[in-house]
């Protein structure tokens, strides 16, 4: 079955470790982007016109593979793709713009530094930040679109915060307000 929306996007949240702590890897948007320095899920992007014509599972898998390679590089993308059979559906919403947004998650169980050694960030990726406590995430506002986000803030779009909280609940088995371990 094809995706019914004319636009759709897919994303993935990757779980890693920081010592003994479970964490998710968030992508930091580049300074030249709108919402500069804001965080988003590990990899996220819109489906192309060709991808949206495919049956939904194939469309989402194809787009996710493309975005993983664009944003993480081939080696890290292959590692994540090899783990997709263990992925968990986190969120499926139609956002305020009428776009279907599907987010999945997978826990690699690797130390953050070990995974990041494999990453070759794409041109629109400023870097990565981890989150060990989803209750500390702050929502982006309209003013952040042009002003960007302060370096000491971790701000995300509302639907992506919900996906991070779902990751902690469904994969790490921790509540939204669990705090750092």
N, C-alpha and C. Protein backbone atom coordinates (compact mmCIF):
# COMPACT_ATOMS: atom_id res chain seq x y z
N UNK A 1 0.84 -1.18 0.00
CA UNK A 1 0.00 0.00 0.00
C UNK A 1 0.89 1.24 0.00
N UNK A 2 0.55 2.19 -0.85
CA UNK A 2 1.34 3.42 -0.94
C UNK A 2 0.99 4.37 0.20
N UNK A 3 1.91 5.26 0.49
CA UNK A 3 1.69 6.30 1.49
C UNK A 3 0.65 7.27 0.95
N UNK A 4 -0.33 7.60 1.74
CA UNK A 4 -1.44 8.44 1.27
C UNK A 4 -1.10 9.93 1.24
N UNK A 5 -0.20 10.37 2.10
CA UNK A 5 0.19 11.78 2.11
C UNK A 5 1.09 12.07 0.92
N UNK A 6 1.02 13.30 0.41
CA UNK A 6 1.88 13.68 -0.71
C UNK A 6 3.31 13.89 -0.25
N UNK A 7 3.50 14.10 1.05
CA UNK A 7 4.84 14.24 1.61
C UNK A 7 4.94 13.37 2.85
N UNK A 8 6.11 12.81 3.04
CA UNK A 8 6.34 11.99 4.22
C UNK A 8 7.81 12.09 4.58
N UNK A 9 8.11 11.78 5.83
CA UNK A 9 9.50 11.74 6.26
C UNK A 9 9.68 10.56 7.21
N UNK A 10 10.93 10.14 7.32
CA UNK A 10 11.26 9.00 8.16
C UNK A 10 12.50 9.35 8.97
N UNK A 11 12.55 8.83 10.17
CA UNK A 11 13.71 9.08 11.02
C UNK A 11 14.02 7.88 11.89
N UNK A 12 15.22 7.89 12.44
CA UNK A 12 15.63 6.83 13.36
C UNK A 12 16.38 7.45 14.52
N UNK A 13 16.16 6.88 15.69
CA UNK A 13 16.91 7.25 16.88
C UNK A 13 17.81 6.06 17.22
N UNK A 14 19.08 6.33 17.42
CA UNK A 14 20.06 5.30 17.73
C UNK A 14 20.42 5.39 19.21
N UNK A 15 20.32 4.26 19.89
CA UNK A 15 20.71 4.17 21.29
C UNK A 15 22.18 3.78 21.42
N UNK A 16 22.86 4.43 22.36
CA UNK A 16 24.29 4.18 22.61
C UNK A 16 24.50 4.18 24.13
N UNK A 17 25.73 4.04 24.54
CA UNK A 17 26.08 4.10 25.96
C UNK A 17 27.10 5.20 26.20
N UNK A 18 26.98 5.83 27.35
CA UNK A 18 27.99 6.75 27.85
C UNK A 18 28.41 6.19 29.20
N UNK A 19 29.43 5.35 29.17
CA UNK A 19 29.80 4.63 30.38
C UNK A 19 28.68 3.68 30.74
N UNK A 20 28.16 3.81 31.95
CA UNK A 20 27.07 2.94 32.42
C UNK A 20 25.69 3.46 32.02
N UNK A 21 25.63 4.66 31.45
CA UNK A 21 24.34 5.29 31.16
C UNK A 21 23.85 4.96 29.76
N UNK A 22 22.55 4.68 29.65
CA UNK A 22 21.91 4.53 28.36
C UNK A 22 21.62 5.92 27.82
N UNK A 23 21.86 6.12 26.53
CA UNK A 23 21.67 7.43 25.92
C UNK A 23 21.19 7.27 24.49
N UNK A 24 20.58 8.31 23.97
CA UNK A 24 20.26 8.35 22.54
C UNK A 24 21.12 9.41 21.88
N UNK A 25 21.47 9.14 20.64
CA UNK A 25 22.32 10.04 19.88
C UNK A 25 21.43 10.99 19.07
N UNK A 26 21.58 12.28 19.35
CA UNK A 26 20.80 13.31 18.64
C UNK A 26 21.71 14.05 17.68
N UNK A 27 21.18 14.35 16.51
CA UNK A 27 21.93 15.13 15.52
C UNK A 27 21.75 16.62 15.81
N UNK A 28 22.83 17.38 15.67
CA UNK A 28 22.78 18.83 15.84
C UNK A 28 22.75 19.46 14.45
N UNK A 29 21.77 20.34 14.23
CA UNK A 29 21.62 21.00 12.93
C UNK A 29 22.75 22.01 12.72
N UNK A 30 23.15 22.15 11.48
CA UNK A 30 24.25 23.04 11.10
C UNK A 30 23.87 24.51 11.32
N UNK A 31 24.89 25.35 11.48
CA UNK A 31 24.67 26.79 11.69
C UNK A 31 23.99 27.47 10.52
N UNK A 32 24.14 26.94 9.30
CA UNK A 32 23.52 27.57 8.13
C UNK A 32 22.07 27.14 7.92
N UNK A 33 21.57 26.21 8.72
CA UNK A 33 20.18 25.74 8.62
C UNK A 33 19.24 26.62 9.42
N UNK A 34 17.96 26.56 9.08
CA UNK A 34 16.97 27.14 9.99
C UNK A 34 17.02 26.32 11.27
N UNK A 35 16.65 26.92 12.37
CA UNK A 35 16.75 26.28 13.68
C UNK A 35 18.18 25.80 13.95
N UNK A 36 19.15 26.66 13.65
CA UNK A 36 20.57 26.34 13.82
C UNK A 36 20.84 25.83 15.23
N UNK A 37 21.65 24.79 15.32
CA UNK A 37 22.10 24.17 16.57
C UNK A 37 20.99 23.46 17.33
N UNK A 38 19.79 23.37 16.75
CA UNK A 38 18.73 22.56 17.36
C UNK A 38 19.07 21.09 17.17
N UNK A 39 18.50 20.26 18.01
CA UNK A 39 18.72 18.82 17.87
C UNK A 39 17.55 18.19 17.13
N UNK A 40 17.84 17.07 16.52
CA UNK A 40 16.80 16.24 15.91
C UNK A 40 17.20 14.79 16.12
N UNK A 41 16.32 13.88 15.71
CA UNK A 41 16.65 12.47 15.88
C UNK A 41 17.94 12.16 15.12
N UNK A 42 18.55 11.01 15.38
CA UNK A 42 19.86 10.68 14.82
C UNK A 42 19.93 10.92 13.32
N UNK A 43 18.94 10.46 12.60
CA UNK A 43 18.84 10.67 11.15
C UNK A 43 17.38 10.89 10.82
N UNK A 44 17.12 11.85 9.93
CA UNK A 44 15.74 12.19 9.60
C UNK A 44 15.71 12.86 8.24
N UNK A 45 14.68 12.59 7.46
CA UNK A 45 14.56 13.30 6.19
C UNK A 45 13.30 12.96 5.43
N UNK A 46 13.01 13.80 4.46
CA UNK A 46 11.83 13.64 3.61
C UNK A 46 12.06 12.55 2.58
N UNK A 47 10.98 11.89 2.22
CA UNK A 47 11.03 10.92 1.13
C UNK A 47 11.07 11.69 -0.19
N UNK A 48 11.80 11.16 -1.17
CA UNK A 48 11.83 11.77 -2.51
C UNK A 48 10.54 11.43 -3.24
N UNK A 49 10.30 12.11 -4.35
CA UNK A 49 9.11 11.81 -5.16
C UNK A 49 9.10 10.35 -5.62
N UNK A 50 10.26 9.83 -5.98
CA UNK A 50 10.35 8.42 -6.41
C UNK A 50 10.08 7.47 -5.26
N UNK A 51 10.59 7.78 -4.07
CA UNK A 51 10.39 6.90 -2.92
C UNK A 51 8.93 6.86 -2.50
N UNK A 52 8.25 7.99 -2.56
CA UNK A 52 6.86 8.05 -2.08
C UNK A 52 5.92 7.22 -2.97
N UNK A 53 6.35 6.90 -4.18
CA UNK A 53 5.53 6.09 -5.10
C UNK A 53 5.61 4.60 -4.77
N UNK A 54 6.59 4.19 -3.99
CA UNK A 54 6.77 2.79 -3.63
C UNK A 54 5.75 2.37 -2.57
N UNK A 55 5.56 1.07 -2.39
CA UNK A 55 4.74 0.59 -1.28
C UNK A 55 5.36 1.10 0.01
N UNK A 56 4.52 1.36 1.01
CA UNK A 56 4.99 2.04 2.22
C UNK A 56 6.22 1.41 2.88
N UNK A 57 6.24 0.10 3.15
CA UNK A 57 7.44 -0.43 3.81
C UNK A 57 8.71 -0.21 2.99
N UNK A 58 8.63 -0.40 1.69
CA UNK A 58 9.79 -0.21 0.83
C UNK A 58 10.16 1.27 0.75
N UNK A 59 9.18 2.15 0.69
CA UNK A 59 9.43 3.59 0.63
C UNK A 59 10.18 4.05 1.87
N UNK A 60 9.71 3.64 3.04
CA UNK A 60 10.34 4.06 4.29
C UNK A 60 11.74 3.47 4.43
N UNK A 61 11.91 2.19 4.10
CA UNK A 61 13.22 1.55 4.21
C UNK A 61 14.23 2.17 3.23
N UNK A 62 13.79 2.46 2.01
CA UNK A 62 14.67 3.06 1.02
C UNK A 62 15.10 4.46 1.45
N UNK A 63 14.14 5.25 1.90
CA UNK A 63 14.45 6.62 2.34
C UNK A 63 15.36 6.60 3.57
N UNK A 64 15.08 5.71 4.51
CA UNK A 64 15.90 5.64 5.71
C UNK A 64 17.34 5.25 5.37
N UNK A 65 17.52 4.28 4.49
CA UNK A 65 18.86 3.90 4.07
C UNK A 65 19.60 5.05 3.40
N UNK A 66 18.91 5.78 2.56
CA UNK A 66 19.52 6.94 1.88
C UNK A 66 19.94 8.00 2.89
N UNK A 67 19.05 8.32 3.84
CA UNK A 67 19.36 9.36 4.83
C UNK A 67 20.48 8.90 5.77
N UNK A 68 20.51 7.63 6.13
CA UNK A 68 21.61 7.13 6.97
C UNK A 68 22.95 7.34 6.28
N UNK A 69 23.04 6.99 5.00
CA UNK A 69 24.30 7.15 4.27
C UNK A 69 24.66 8.63 4.11
N UNK A 70 23.66 9.48 3.83
CA UNK A 70 23.94 10.92 3.65
C UNK A 70 24.41 11.57 4.94
N UNK A 71 23.82 11.19 6.06
CA UNK A 71 24.07 11.91 7.31
C UNK A 71 25.10 11.24 8.22
N UNK A 72 25.31 9.93 8.09
CA UNK A 72 26.26 9.22 8.96
C UNK A 72 27.44 8.64 8.21
N UNK A 73 27.37 8.57 6.89
CA UNK A 73 28.41 7.91 6.11
C UNK A 73 28.11 6.43 5.95
N UNK A 74 28.81 5.79 5.03
CA UNK A 74 28.49 4.41 4.66
C UNK A 74 28.75 3.39 5.76
N UNK A 75 29.85 3.49 6.49
CA UNK A 75 30.19 2.47 7.49
C UNK A 75 29.18 2.50 8.64
N UNK A 76 28.92 3.67 9.19
CA UNK A 76 27.95 3.77 10.29
C UNK A 76 26.55 3.40 9.81
N UNK A 77 26.21 3.81 8.58
CA UNK A 77 24.89 3.47 8.01
C UNK A 77 24.73 1.95 7.92
N UNK A 78 25.76 1.27 7.45
CA UNK A 78 25.68 -0.19 7.34
C UNK A 78 25.49 -0.85 8.70
N UNK A 79 26.14 -0.32 9.74
CA UNK A 79 25.99 -0.87 11.08
C UNK A 79 24.55 -0.70 11.56
N UNK A 80 23.98 0.48 11.35
CA UNK A 80 22.60 0.72 11.77
C UNK A 80 21.65 -0.15 10.96
N UNK A 81 21.85 -0.18 9.64
CA UNK A 81 20.96 -0.98 8.78
C UNK A 81 21.00 -2.46 9.16
N UNK A 82 22.15 -2.97 9.57
CA UNK A 82 22.27 -4.37 9.99
C UNK A 82 21.46 -4.65 11.26
N UNK A 83 21.15 -3.61 12.01
CA UNK A 83 20.39 -3.76 13.27
C UNK A 83 18.91 -3.45 13.11
N UNK A 84 18.48 -3.08 11.92
CA UNK A 84 17.08 -2.65 11.73
C UNK A 84 16.07 -3.75 12.03
N UNK A 85 16.47 -5.00 11.94
CA UNK A 85 15.52 -6.07 12.27
C UNK A 85 15.12 -6.01 13.75
N UNK A 86 15.92 -5.33 14.57
CA UNK A 86 15.62 -5.17 16.00
C UNK A 86 14.98 -3.80 16.30
N UNK A 87 14.65 -3.06 15.24
CA UNK A 87 14.11 -1.71 15.47
C UNK A 87 12.69 -1.78 16.01
N UNK A 88 12.31 -0.72 16.69
CA UNK A 88 10.99 -0.59 17.31
C UNK A 88 10.33 0.66 16.74
N UNK A 89 9.05 0.54 16.36
CA UNK A 89 8.29 1.71 15.91
C UNK A 89 8.06 2.61 17.12
N UNK A 90 8.47 3.87 17.00
CA UNK A 90 8.33 4.82 18.10
C UNK A 90 7.17 5.76 17.92
N UNK A 91 7.03 6.26 16.71
CA UNK A 91 6.00 7.27 16.48
C UNK A 91 5.59 7.28 15.02
N UNK A 92 4.31 7.50 14.81
CA UNK A 92 3.74 7.62 13.47
C UNK A 92 2.65 8.68 13.58
N UNK A 93 2.92 9.87 13.05
CA UNK A 93 1.97 10.98 13.16
C UNK A 93 1.87 11.70 11.82
N UNK A 94 0.75 12.38 11.65
CA UNK A 94 0.62 13.33 10.55
C UNK A 94 0.76 14.69 11.22
N UNK A 95 1.82 15.43 10.85
CA UNK A 95 2.10 16.69 11.53
C UNK A 95 1.20 17.82 11.04
N UNK A 96 1.41 19.01 11.59
CA UNK A 96 0.56 20.17 11.28
C UNK A 96 0.62 20.58 9.82
N UNK A 97 1.66 20.14 9.09
CA UNK A 97 1.78 20.45 7.67
C UNK A 97 1.18 19.34 6.80
N UNK A 98 0.56 18.35 7.43
CA UNK A 98 -0.05 17.25 6.70
C UNK A 98 0.94 16.19 6.23
N UNK A 99 2.14 16.20 6.78
CA UNK A 99 3.19 15.26 6.39
C UNK A 99 3.20 14.07 7.35
N UNK A 100 3.21 12.86 6.80
CA UNK A 100 3.38 11.67 7.60
C UNK A 100 4.82 11.63 8.11
N UNK A 101 4.98 11.44 9.42
CA UNK A 101 6.31 11.35 10.02
C UNK A 101 6.38 10.01 10.76
N UNK A 102 7.31 9.17 10.34
CA UNK A 102 7.50 7.86 10.96
C UNK A 102 8.89 7.83 11.58
N UNK A 103 8.96 7.47 12.86
CA UNK A 103 10.24 7.39 13.56
C UNK A 103 10.37 6.02 14.19
N UNK A 104 11.53 5.40 13.97
CA UNK A 104 11.84 4.10 14.58
C UNK A 104 13.07 4.27 15.45
N UNK A 105 13.34 3.28 16.27
CA UNK A 105 14.52 3.33 17.13
C UNK A 105 15.20 1.99 17.19
N UNK A 106 16.52 2.03 17.39
CA UNK A 106 17.30 0.81 17.57
C UNK A 106 18.43 1.10 18.56
N UNK A 107 18.62 0.19 19.50
CA UNK A 107 19.70 0.32 20.48
C UNK A 107 20.88 -0.49 20.00
N UNK A 108 21.96 0.18 19.64
CA UNK A 108 23.15 -0.52 19.19
C UNK A 108 23.94 -1.09 20.36
N UNK A 109 23.76 -0.53 21.56
CA UNK A 109 24.47 -1.01 22.74
C UNK A 109 25.96 -0.69 22.73
N UNK A 110 26.39 0.14 21.80
CA UNK A 110 27.80 0.52 21.69
C UNK A 110 28.10 1.75 22.52
N UNK A 111 29.34 1.88 22.91
CA UNK A 111 29.80 3.12 23.54
C UNK A 111 29.71 4.23 22.49
N UNK A 112 29.24 5.40 22.89
CA UNK A 112 29.07 6.53 21.97
C UNK A 112 30.32 6.77 21.13
N UNK A 113 31.47 6.85 21.78
CA UNK A 113 32.72 7.14 21.07
C UNK A 113 33.06 6.09 20.03
N UNK A 114 32.77 4.83 20.33
CA UNK A 114 33.04 3.76 19.37
C UNK A 114 32.18 3.91 18.12
N UNK A 115 30.90 4.26 18.31
CA UNK A 115 30.03 4.45 17.16
C UNK A 115 30.43 5.71 16.38
N UNK A 116 30.71 6.79 17.09
CA UNK A 116 31.03 8.04 16.41
C UNK A 116 32.33 7.96 15.60
N UNK A 117 33.23 7.04 15.95
CA UNK A 117 34.44 6.85 15.15
C UNK A 117 34.10 6.36 13.75
N UNK A 118 32.96 5.72 13.59
CA UNK A 118 32.53 5.19 12.30
C UNK A 118 31.76 6.22 11.47
N UNK A 119 31.34 7.31 12.12
CA UNK A 119 30.48 8.31 11.47
C UNK A 119 31.31 9.30 10.66
N UNK A 120 30.84 9.55 9.45
CA UNK A 120 31.37 10.62 8.60
C UNK A 120 30.19 11.55 8.36
N UNK A 121 30.06 12.62 9.17
CA UNK A 121 28.87 13.46 9.10
C UNK A 121 28.68 14.11 7.73
N UNK A 122 27.42 14.19 7.30
CA UNK A 122 27.08 14.86 6.07
C UNK A 122 27.25 16.37 6.20
N UNK A 123 27.13 17.07 5.08
CA UNK A 123 27.39 18.52 5.05
C UNK A 123 26.42 19.33 5.91
N UNK A 124 25.24 18.81 6.16
CA UNK A 124 24.25 19.55 6.95
C UNK A 124 24.22 19.10 8.41
N UNK A 125 25.19 18.33 8.82
CA UNK A 125 25.26 17.82 10.19
C UNK A 125 26.38 18.55 10.92
N UNK A 126 26.02 19.27 11.98
CA UNK A 126 27.04 20.00 12.76
C UNK A 126 27.73 19.09 13.76
N UNK A 127 27.10 17.99 14.10
CA UNK A 127 27.67 17.07 15.07
C UNK A 127 26.57 16.30 15.76
N UNK A 128 26.91 15.70 16.88
CA UNK A 128 25.96 14.89 17.63
C UNK A 128 26.06 15.22 19.11
N UNK A 129 24.96 15.01 19.81
CA UNK A 129 24.87 15.21 21.24
C UNK A 129 24.05 14.06 21.79
N UNK A 130 24.35 13.65 22.99
CA UNK A 130 23.55 12.57 23.58
C UNK A 130 22.52 13.14 24.55
N UNK A 131 21.50 12.35 24.74
CA UNK A 131 20.47 12.65 25.73
C UNK A 131 20.35 11.43 26.63
N UNK A 132 20.52 11.64 27.94
CA UNK A 132 20.34 10.57 28.91
C UNK A 132 19.08 10.78 29.74
N UNK A 133 18.47 11.96 29.59
CA UNK A 133 17.28 12.30 30.37
C UNK A 133 16.30 13.07 29.48
N UNK A 134 15.30 12.38 28.93
CA UNK A 134 14.38 13.06 28.01
C UNK A 134 13.54 14.16 28.65
N UNK A 135 13.43 14.17 29.97
CA UNK A 135 12.65 15.22 30.62
C UNK A 135 13.35 16.58 30.52
N UNK A 136 14.62 16.59 30.17
CA UNK A 136 15.38 17.84 30.05
C UNK A 136 15.26 18.47 28.66
N UNK A 137 14.67 17.77 27.70
CA UNK A 137 14.53 18.31 26.35
C UNK A 137 13.53 19.46 26.35
N UNK A 138 13.86 20.50 25.59
CA UNK A 138 12.99 21.67 25.49
C UNK A 138 12.46 21.79 24.07
N UNK A 139 11.24 22.31 23.96
CA UNK A 139 10.61 22.45 22.65
C UNK A 139 11.09 23.70 21.92
N UNK A 140 11.27 23.56 20.62
CA UNK A 140 11.62 24.70 19.78
C UNK A 140 10.42 25.64 19.66
N UNK A 141 10.70 26.92 19.49
CA UNK A 141 9.66 27.91 19.26
C UNK A 141 9.94 28.60 17.92
N UNK A 142 9.00 29.40 17.47
CA UNK A 142 9.17 30.11 16.20
C UNK A 142 10.40 31.01 16.21
N UNK A 143 10.74 31.59 17.35
CA UNK A 143 11.90 32.49 17.41
C UNK A 143 13.21 31.77 17.13
N UNK A 144 13.25 30.46 17.38
CA UNK A 144 14.48 29.69 17.12
C UNK A 144 14.73 29.47 15.63
N UNK A 145 13.70 29.66 14.81
CA UNK A 145 13.87 29.40 13.37
C UNK A 145 14.98 30.27 12.78
N UNK A 146 15.00 31.54 13.13
CA UNK A 146 16.05 32.42 12.60
C UNK A 146 17.17 32.66 13.61
N UNK A 147 16.85 32.69 14.91
CA UNK A 147 17.86 33.00 15.92
C UNK A 147 18.72 31.79 16.27
N UNK A 148 18.21 30.59 16.02
CA UNK A 148 18.95 29.40 16.40
C UNK A 148 18.79 29.09 17.88
N UNK A 149 19.53 28.11 18.33
CA UNK A 149 19.46 27.61 19.70
C UNK A 149 20.78 27.90 20.40
N UNK A 150 20.71 28.28 21.66
CA UNK A 150 21.93 28.54 22.44
C UNK A 150 22.71 27.22 22.64
N UNK A 151 24.03 27.31 22.71
CA UNK A 151 24.85 26.09 22.83
C UNK A 151 24.54 25.22 24.04
N UNK A 152 24.08 25.81 25.13
CA UNK A 152 23.81 25.02 26.34
C UNK A 152 22.38 24.46 26.39
N UNK A 153 21.59 24.66 25.33
CA UNK A 153 20.22 24.17 25.28
C UNK A 153 20.13 22.93 24.40
N UNK A 154 19.22 22.05 24.75
CA UNK A 154 18.89 20.91 23.88
C UNK A 154 17.42 21.06 23.53
N UNK A 155 17.18 21.63 22.36
CA UNK A 155 15.82 21.90 21.90
C UNK A 155 15.52 21.09 20.65
N UNK A 156 14.26 20.63 20.58
CA UNK A 156 13.81 19.81 19.47
C UNK A 156 12.36 20.16 19.15
N UNK A 157 11.90 19.70 17.97
CA UNK A 157 10.48 19.83 17.65
C UNK A 157 9.68 18.89 18.55
N UNK A 158 8.44 19.26 18.82
CA UNK A 158 7.58 18.52 19.75
C UNK A 158 7.46 17.04 19.37
N UNK A 159 7.25 16.73 18.07
CA UNK A 159 7.07 15.34 17.67
C UNK A 159 8.35 14.53 17.88
N UNK A 160 9.51 15.17 17.75
CA UNK A 160 10.76 14.46 17.96
C UNK A 160 11.03 14.23 19.45
N UNK A 161 10.62 15.18 20.30
CA UNK A 161 10.72 14.96 21.74
C UNK A 161 9.86 13.75 22.13
N UNK A 162 8.66 13.67 21.56
CA UNK A 162 7.78 12.53 21.85
C UNK A 162 8.42 11.23 21.42
N UNK A 163 9.12 11.23 20.28
CA UNK A 163 9.79 10.02 19.80
C UNK A 163 10.94 9.62 20.74
N UNK A 164 11.71 10.61 21.22
CA UNK A 164 12.80 10.31 22.17
C UNK A 164 12.22 9.72 23.45
N UNK A 165 11.15 10.30 23.96
CA UNK A 165 10.52 9.76 25.17
C UNK A 165 10.01 8.35 24.94
N UNK A 166 9.46 8.10 23.74
CA UNK A 166 9.00 6.75 23.40
C UNK A 166 10.16 5.77 23.36
N UNK A 167 11.32 6.21 22.87
CA UNK A 167 12.52 5.35 22.85
C UNK A 167 12.87 4.93 24.28
N UNK A 168 12.93 5.89 25.19
CA UNK A 168 13.28 5.57 26.58
C UNK A 168 12.27 4.62 27.20
N UNK A 169 10.97 4.81 26.89
CA UNK A 169 9.92 3.94 27.42
C UNK A 169 9.96 2.55 26.81
N UNK A 170 10.01 2.49 25.48
CA UNK A 170 9.85 1.21 24.78
C UNK A 170 11.14 0.40 24.68
N UNK A 171 12.27 1.06 24.56
CA UNK A 171 13.53 0.34 24.34
C UNK A 171 14.36 0.27 25.61
N UNK A 172 14.54 1.39 26.30
CA UNK A 172 15.32 1.39 27.53
C UNK A 172 14.45 1.05 28.74
N UNK A 173 13.12 0.95 28.54
CA UNK A 173 12.20 0.59 29.61
C UNK A 173 12.25 1.56 30.78
N UNK A 174 12.37 2.85 30.44
CA UNK A 174 12.39 3.90 31.46
C UNK A 174 11.27 4.88 31.16
N UNK A 175 10.65 5.43 32.19
CA UNK A 175 9.59 6.41 32.02
C UNK A 175 10.12 7.74 31.53
N UNK A 176 9.20 8.62 31.11
CA UNK A 176 9.56 9.94 30.58
C UNK A 176 10.33 10.77 31.60
N UNK A 177 10.03 10.59 32.86
CA UNK A 177 10.67 11.42 33.88
C UNK A 177 11.70 10.62 34.68
N UNK A 178 12.26 9.58 34.05
CA UNK A 178 13.18 8.69 34.77
C UNK A 178 14.47 9.37 35.18
N UNK A 179 14.90 10.37 34.42
CA UNK A 179 16.15 11.04 34.75
C UNK A 179 17.35 10.18 34.37
N UNK A 180 18.51 10.73 34.60
CA UNK A 180 19.75 10.03 34.25
C UNK A 180 19.99 8.88 35.21
N UNK A 181 20.56 7.84 34.70
CA UNK A 181 20.90 6.68 35.53
C UNK A 181 22.21 6.92 36.22
